Amino acid sequence: MTANTETRLRLPTDVNAGKEVSRFTFNAGMAMAALIGLWGVACLVSGFMCHGGCCLSRGLARAILGL
C-alpha cells in the first residue's frame, strides 16, 4: 500500500498591523472630511438659492463684525 503525502511549505508573511490600522484610519478620516465638505457645499448652494448672494454676504459680515 502506498500512501500519498502532501507537503505544504509555509512562507513567512509580513503583516504590519500598525500600518494597516493607520491606513484604515486615514481613509476613514478622508471619507468623513469629504462628506462634511459635500454637506457644506450643499448648505451654501441652498443658502444662495433661498436668499441670494447679497443676503449671505451681509450675514457673513454681521457674523464676523458682531453687528
Protein backbone atom coordinates (compact mmCIF):
# COMPACT_ATOMS: atom_id res chain seq x y z
CA MET A 1 0.00 0.00 0.00
CA THR A 2 1.39 3.36 -0.99
CA ALA A 3 0.48 6.47 0.99
CA ASN A 4 0.47 9.80 -0.77
CA THR A 5 1.51 12.62 1.49
CA GLU A 6 1.23 16.26 0.65
CA THR A 7 3.84 18.64 1.97
CA ARG A 8 2.91 22.29 2.36
CA LEU A 9 5.57 24.90 2.56
CA ARG A 10 4.79 27.78 4.91
CA LEU A 11 6.14 31.09 3.77
CA PRO A 12 6.62 33.87 6.29
CA THR A 13 4.17 36.72 5.82
CA ASP A 14 4.99 40.18 6.98
CA VAL A 15 1.87 41.85 8.30
CA ASN A 16 2.33 45.22 9.90
CA ALA A 17 -0.84 45.69 11.94
CA GLY A 18 0.06 49.26 12.88
CA LYS A 19 0.40 50.25 9.24
CA GLU A 20 -2.91 48.61 8.32
CA VAL A 21 -4.76 50.32 11.18
CA SER A 22 -3.18 53.63 10.27
CA ARG A 23 -4.19 53.25 6.62
CA PHE A 24 -7.77 52.39 7.59
CA THR A 25 -7.97 55.34 9.99
CA PHE A 26 -6.60 57.72 7.37
CA ASN A 27 -9.09 56.51 4.75
CA ALA A 28 -11.99 56.73 7.18
CA GLY A 29 -10.96 60.27 8.13
CA MET A 30 -10.70 61.32 4.49
CA ALA A 31 -14.15 59.87 3.79
CA MET A 32 -15.62 61.81 6.71
CA ALA A 33 -13.90 65.01 5.57
CA ALA A 34 -15.33 64.53 2.08
CA LEU A 35 -18.84 64.03 3.47
CA ILE A 36 -18.55 67.14 5.65
CA GLY A 37 -17.28 69.15 2.68
CA LEU A 38 -20.13 67.99 0.47
CA TRP A 39 -22.62 68.86 3.21
CA GLY A 40 -21.12 72.35 3.49
CA VAL A 41 -21.35 72.91 -0.26
CA ALA A 42 -24.96 71.72 -0.24
CA CYS A 43 -25.80 74.17 2.56
CA LEU A 44 -24.07 77.03 0.72
CA VAL A 45 -25.95 76.28 -2.51
CA SER A 46 -29.20 76.10 -0.55
CA GLY A 47 -28.49 79.50 1.02
CA PHE A 48 -27.78 81.05 -2.38
CA MET A 49 -30.97 79.60 -3.82
CA CYS A 50 -33.19 80.76 -0.95
CA HIS A 51 -31.71 84.16 -0.09
CA GLY A 52 -29.21 85.18 -2.76
CA GLY A 53 -25.57 86.14 -2.55
CA CYS A 54 -26.14 89.66 -1.22
CA CYS A 55 -28.01 88.45 1.85
CA LEU A 56 -25.43 85.74 2.51
CA SER A 57 -22.51 88.17 2.30
CA ARG A 58 -24.34 90.63 4.58
CA GLY A 59 -24.98 87.83 7.09
CA LEU A 60 -21.32 86.79 6.95
CA ALA A 61 -20.21 90.39 7.58
CA ARG A 62 -22.59 90.65 10.53
CA ALA A 63 -21.30 87.39 11.99
CA ILE A 64 -17.65 88.45 11.68
CA LEU A 65 -18.08 92.02 12.86
CA GLY A 66 -20.66 91.20 15.54
CA LEU A 67 -23.29 93.68 14.39
